Amino acid sequence: MKNQKDIAIFLNVRKHSSRCKNKMLRTFANSTLYEICLNKIKEITDYNVYLGAYEEEFIEKAQKLKNITIIHRSAESSLSSSDPVKIFEALHQIHTKWVMWINPSHPFLKVKTIYDALNAFLSIENNSLTSVVRKRGWFYTPDGYSVTNKDALVDTKISEWLYEAAHAFHIYERQYMIENLKPWPNNPGDPYLFPMPEEESYDIDTEDQFIMVERLYEKKILGK
C-alpha cells in the first residue's frame, strides 16, 4: 500500500501556448481556465500542491491560496514547448516519490474525479497512472488495416472500442521523469489506465476547441 504523503499535486503553467494563444489567462466563461482550475485546487487540502510558473499573472493569483507552494520557473522553461528538461525543471524542487500532474485545460474535470484517481493509485501496485476515455468507432492503422471494425459492421454503436489518453491528469514517479525525460515506460500496466467520465474529458488545445468548450461550459455549468 502506498502512502498518501508520497504523492504531490503538480501544476505547470505558462502564457505562451503556441496553438491557442494565452488560453490560460484570457476570458473563458466569465472567468479563465486558470482560475477555474485554482478554484478546484483550493479544495485539495490533504495533499501538498505545487505550482510551476514564471509569469507574474499566474503567481499573483496563486498566492491567494494557502495550500499552494509556488515554484518559480525560468523564462526558458516557460517558453519551451518540447524540451522536457526545461519544461519539467520544477520537479527538482518537489521531494515526493510521485506527482500528480493536473491539466488546467480541462474545465469540466471534477475534484471528485481527481480524488477517485488518487485513491485508485494508492490502492494498486502500479507505478504510474493516466486518465483515459473509452472511444468507440472505426479506427485504422496508417497503412489501412482495421483496428476495431475488422468484420466491416455497419452499426457504429456495436463497434469495438479503444482507450484514448485524455491528458486530464497523469501520476508518475518524479525521479523517473527527471532521469528518463518521460513519465513511464509505456508498457501494459505502466501506466495504469484510469477511465474518466467522457463529459469531463474536454481538452482545449486549439482556438476551435476553446470556442466550442467555452460554449458547452456556459450551457452546462453556467446554465446560459
Protein backbone atom coordinates (compact mmCIF):
# COMPACT_ATOMS: atom_id res chain seq x y z
CA MET A 1 0.00 0.00 0.00
CA LYS A 2 1.36 3.40 -0.97
CA ASN A 3 1.49 6.34 1.42
CA GLN A 4 -0.58 9.40 0.59
CA LYS A 5 2.29 11.63 1.74
CA ASP A 6 4.42 10.29 -1.11
CA ILE A 7 2.23 12.00 -3.74
CA ALA A 8 2.14 15.72 -4.53
CA ILE A 9 -0.21 17.62 -6.83
CA PHE A 10 1.64 19.47 -9.59
CA LEU A 11 0.51 22.24 -11.94
CA ASN A 12 2.85 23.63 -14.59
CA VAL A 13 1.50 26.71 -16.34
CA ARG A 14 2.76 29.15 -18.94
CA LYS A 15 1.43 32.01 -21.01
CA HIS A 16 2.93 31.19 -24.40
CA SER A 17 0.72 28.43 -25.79
CA SER A 18 1.51 28.01 -29.48
CA ARG A 19 -1.80 26.54 -30.71
CA CYS A 20 -4.22 28.61 -28.61
CA LYS A 21 -2.75 31.97 -27.64
CA ASN A 22 -2.79 32.83 -23.92
CA LYS A 23 -5.51 30.25 -23.30
CA MET A 24 -4.89 30.07 -19.55
CA LEU A 25 -5.46 33.76 -18.84
CA ARG A 26 -7.88 35.01 -21.48
CA THR A 27 -11.57 35.26 -20.64
CA PHE A 28 -13.34 31.91 -20.58
CA ALA A 29 -16.99 31.80 -19.50
CA ASN A 30 -16.71 34.93 -17.31
CA SER A 31 -13.56 33.54 -15.72
CA THR A 32 -10.34 31.96 -17.02
CA LEU A 33 -9.19 28.37 -17.39
CA TYR A 34 -6.52 29.09 -14.80
CA GLU A 35 -8.96 30.47 -12.22
CA ILE A 36 -11.39 27.61 -12.79
CA CYS A 37 -8.56 25.20 -12.07
CA LEU A 38 -7.39 27.11 -8.97
CA ASN A 39 -10.92 27.02 -7.56
CA LYS A 40 -10.75 23.23 -7.69
CA ILE A 41 -7.21 23.02 -6.36
CA LYS A 42 -8.09 25.01 -3.25
CA GLU A 43 -10.43 22.16 -2.29
CA ILE A 44 -7.49 19.74 -2.17
CA THR A 45 -6.18 20.32 1.34
CA ASP A 46 -4.81 16.88 2.25
CA TYR A 47 -2.06 16.78 -0.42
CA ASN A 48 0.87 19.10 -0.96
CA VAL A 49 0.21 21.21 -4.06
CA TYR A 50 2.94 22.79 -6.19
CA LEU A 51 2.62 25.32 -8.99
CA GLY A 52 5.37 25.88 -11.53
CA ALA A 53 5.02 29.37 -13.05
CA TYR A 54 7.12 32.18 -14.49
CA GLU A 55 4.67 34.93 -15.42
CA GLU A 56 3.56 37.22 -12.59
CA GLU A 57 -0.11 36.91 -13.56
CA PHE A 58 -0.07 33.23 -12.56
CA ILE A 59 1.94 33.78 -9.40
CA GLU A 60 -0.20 36.65 -8.14
CA LYS A 61 -3.43 34.66 -8.36
CA ALA A 62 -1.90 31.54 -6.78
CA GLN A 63 -0.52 33.49 -3.82
CA LYS A 64 -4.08 33.94 -2.59
CA LEU A 65 -4.35 30.20 -1.97
CA LYS A 66 -2.77 28.97 1.25
CA ASN A 67 -2.40 25.38 0.09
CA ILE A 68 -0.14 26.07 -2.93
CA THR A 69 3.66 26.19 -2.92
CA ILE A 70 4.88 28.29 -5.85
CA ILE A 71 7.95 27.18 -7.79
CA HIS A 72 9.38 29.93 -9.96
CA ARG A 73 10.07 28.63 -13.46
CA SER A 74 12.79 30.13 -15.60
CA ALA A 75 11.92 32.17 -18.67
CA GLU A 76 13.40 29.39 -20.82
CA SER A 77 11.11 26.85 -19.18
CA SER A 78 8.01 28.96 -19.79
CA LEU A 79 8.87 29.40 -23.46
CA SER A 80 9.69 25.77 -24.21
CA SER A 81 7.03 23.54 -25.75
CA SER A 82 9.09 20.42 -26.47
CA ASP A 83 12.20 20.22 -24.25
CA PRO A 84 11.30 18.09 -21.21
CA VAL A 85 14.44 19.18 -19.34
CA LYS A 86 13.25 22.79 -19.40
CA ILE A 87 9.52 22.10 -19.16
CA PHE A 88 9.78 19.96 -16.03
CA GLU A 89 12.62 21.75 -14.24
CA ALA A 90 10.21 22.43 -11.35
CA LEU A 91 10.23 18.72 -10.46
CA HIS A 92 13.68 19.18 -8.93
CA GLN A 93 12.08 21.29 -6.20
CA ILE A 94 9.46 18.71 -5.28
CA HIS A 95 10.54 15.90 -2.98
CA THR A 96 7.73 13.33 -3.08
CA LYS A 97 8.14 9.99 -4.83
CA TRP A 98 5.21 10.60 -7.18
CA VAL A 99 3.49 13.65 -8.60
CA MET A 100 0.00 14.01 -9.98
CA TRP A 101 0.14 16.48 -12.84
CA ILE A 102 -3.22 18.15 -13.49
CA ASN A 103 -4.03 19.86 -16.78
CA PRO A 104 -5.81 23.23 -16.33
CA SER A 105 -7.06 22.97 -19.93
CA HIS A 106 -9.84 20.63 -18.76
CA PRO A 107 -12.52 22.94 -17.29
CA PHE A 108 -15.05 20.13 -16.78
CA LEU A 109 -12.71 18.00 -14.64
CA LYS A 110 -14.24 17.49 -11.19
CA VAL A 111 -12.45 17.37 -7.85
CA LYS A 112 -14.19 14.05 -7.15
CA THR A 113 -12.57 12.52 -10.24
CA ILE A 114 -9.16 13.75 -9.10
CA TYR A 115 -9.68 12.07 -5.73
CA ASP A 116 -11.03 8.92 -7.35
CA ALA A 117 -7.83 8.66 -9.38
CA LEU A 118 -5.63 9.33 -6.35
CA ASN A 119 -7.44 6.71 -4.28
CA ALA A 120 -7.21 4.21 -7.13
CA PHE A 121 -3.47 4.81 -7.42
CA LEU A 122 -2.97 4.41 -3.69
CA SER A 123 -4.70 1.03 -3.80
CA ILE A 124 -2.71 -0.52 -6.67
CA GLU A 125 0.90 -1.56 -7.09
CA ASN A 126 1.37 0.17 -10.45
CA ASN A 127 3.98 2.89 -10.58
CA SER A 128 2.06 5.31 -12.82
CA LEU A 129 -1.47 6.19 -13.91
CA THR A 130 -3.04 8.19 -16.70
CA SER A 131 -6.56 9.40 -17.46
CA VAL A 132 -8.27 7.76 -20.43
CA VAL A 133 -11.66 7.77 -22.12
CA ARG A 134 -13.34 4.94 -23.99
CA LYS A 135 -13.70 5.67 -27.72
CA ARG A 136 -15.98 3.50 -29.83
CA GLY A 137 -15.67 3.71 -33.60
CA TRP A 138 -13.77 2.67 -36.70
CA PHE A 139 -10.02 3.03 -36.28
CA TYR A 140 -7.35 2.18 -38.84
CA THR A 141 -3.59 1.88 -38.83
CA PRO A 142 -1.68 4.30 -41.13
CA ASP A 143 -1.35 1.55 -43.72
CA GLY A 144 -5.10 0.91 -43.82
CA TYR A 145 -5.64 -2.09 -41.54
CA SER A 146 -8.78 -2.01 -39.43
CA VAL A 147 -8.19 -1.98 -35.69
CA THR A 148 -11.73 -2.01 -34.28
CA ASN A 149 -14.05 -3.00 -37.13
CA LYS A 150 -12.39 -5.97 -38.79
CA ASP A 151 -15.76 -7.51 -39.71
CA ALA A 152 -16.86 -4.31 -41.51
CA LEU A 153 -20.00 -3.96 -39.40
CA VAL A 154 -22.32 -1.13 -40.43
CA ASP A 155 -23.62 -0.20 -36.97
CA THR A 156 -21.01 2.01 -35.28
CA LYS A 157 -22.74 1.58 -31.91
CA ILE A 158 -21.57 -2.03 -31.71
CA SER A 159 -18.04 -1.36 -32.91
CA GLU A 160 -15.16 -2.32 -30.67
CA TRP A 161 -13.60 0.43 -28.57
CA LEU A 162 -10.18 1.70 -27.62
CA TYR A 163 -8.85 3.76 -24.75
CA GLU A 164 -7.67 7.24 -25.72
CA ALA A 165 -5.43 9.26 -23.42
CA ALA A 166 -7.43 12.18 -22.03
CA HIS A 167 -4.43 14.16 -20.72
CA ALA A 168 -6.58 15.49 -17.88
CA PHE A 169 -4.05 14.19 -15.34
CA HIS A 170 -1.12 11.81 -15.02
CA ILE A 171 0.52 10.28 -11.96
CA TYR A 172 4.14 9.27 -12.36
CA GLU A 173 7.36 8.75 -10.44
CA ARG A 174 9.07 12.11 -10.19
CA GLN A 175 12.63 10.80 -10.37
CA TYR A 176 11.81 8.59 -13.35
CA MET A 177 10.66 11.65 -15.30
CA ILE A 178 13.80 13.58 -14.35
CA GLU A 179 16.15 10.77 -15.33
CA ASN A 180 14.37 9.44 -18.42
CA LEU A 181 12.60 12.58 -19.70
CA LYS A 182 9.35 10.65 -20.00
CA PRO A 183 6.72 9.77 -17.39
CA TRP A 184 6.72 5.96 -17.73
CA PRO A 185 8.00 3.02 -19.84
CA ASN A 186 4.65 2.76 -21.70
CA ASN A 187 4.20 -0.94 -21.03
CA PRO A 188 0.93 -2.66 -20.04
CA GLY A 189 0.18 -1.50 -16.50
CA ASP A 190 2.77 1.26 -16.61
CA PRO A 191 0.80 3.47 -16.88
CA TYR A 192 -2.33 2.08 -15.28
CA LEU A 193 -5.29 3.24 -17.39
CA PHE A 194 -7.85 5.14 -15.34
CA PRO A 195 -11.16 5.64 -17.21
CA MET A 196 -12.64 9.06 -16.51
CA PRO A 197 -16.11 10.36 -17.39
CA GLU A 198 -16.20 11.43 -21.02
CA GLU A 199 -18.16 14.57 -20.15
CA GLU A 200 -15.19 15.73 -18.05
CA SER A 201 -12.57 14.99 -20.68
CA TYR A 202 -12.96 18.01 -22.98
CA ASP A 203 -9.48 19.39 -23.56
CA ILE A 204 -8.56 22.77 -25.04
CA ASP A 205 -5.53 22.80 -27.33
CA THR A 206 -6.74 24.86 -30.30
CA GLU A 207 -8.76 28.00 -30.98
CA ASP A 208 -11.72 25.98 -32.24
CA GLN A 209 -11.70 23.84 -29.11
CA PHE A 210 -11.59 26.97 -26.94
CA ILE A 211 -14.72 28.34 -28.62
CA MET A 212 -16.64 25.06 -28.55
CA VAL A 213 -15.74 24.04 -24.99
CA GLU A 214 -16.44 27.54 -23.67
CA ARG A 215 -19.94 27.46 -25.15
CA LEU A 216 -20.56 23.99 -23.76
CA TYR A 217 -19.30 25.11 -20.35
CA GLU A 218 -21.60 28.14 -20.39
CA LYS A 219 -24.54 25.91 -21.27
CA LYS A 220 -23.90 23.01 -18.89
CA ILE A 221 -22.20 24.69 -15.93
CA LEU A 222 -23.43 28.29 -16.00
CA GLY A 223 -26.86 27.50 -17.45
CA LYS A 224 -26.69 30.17 -20.15
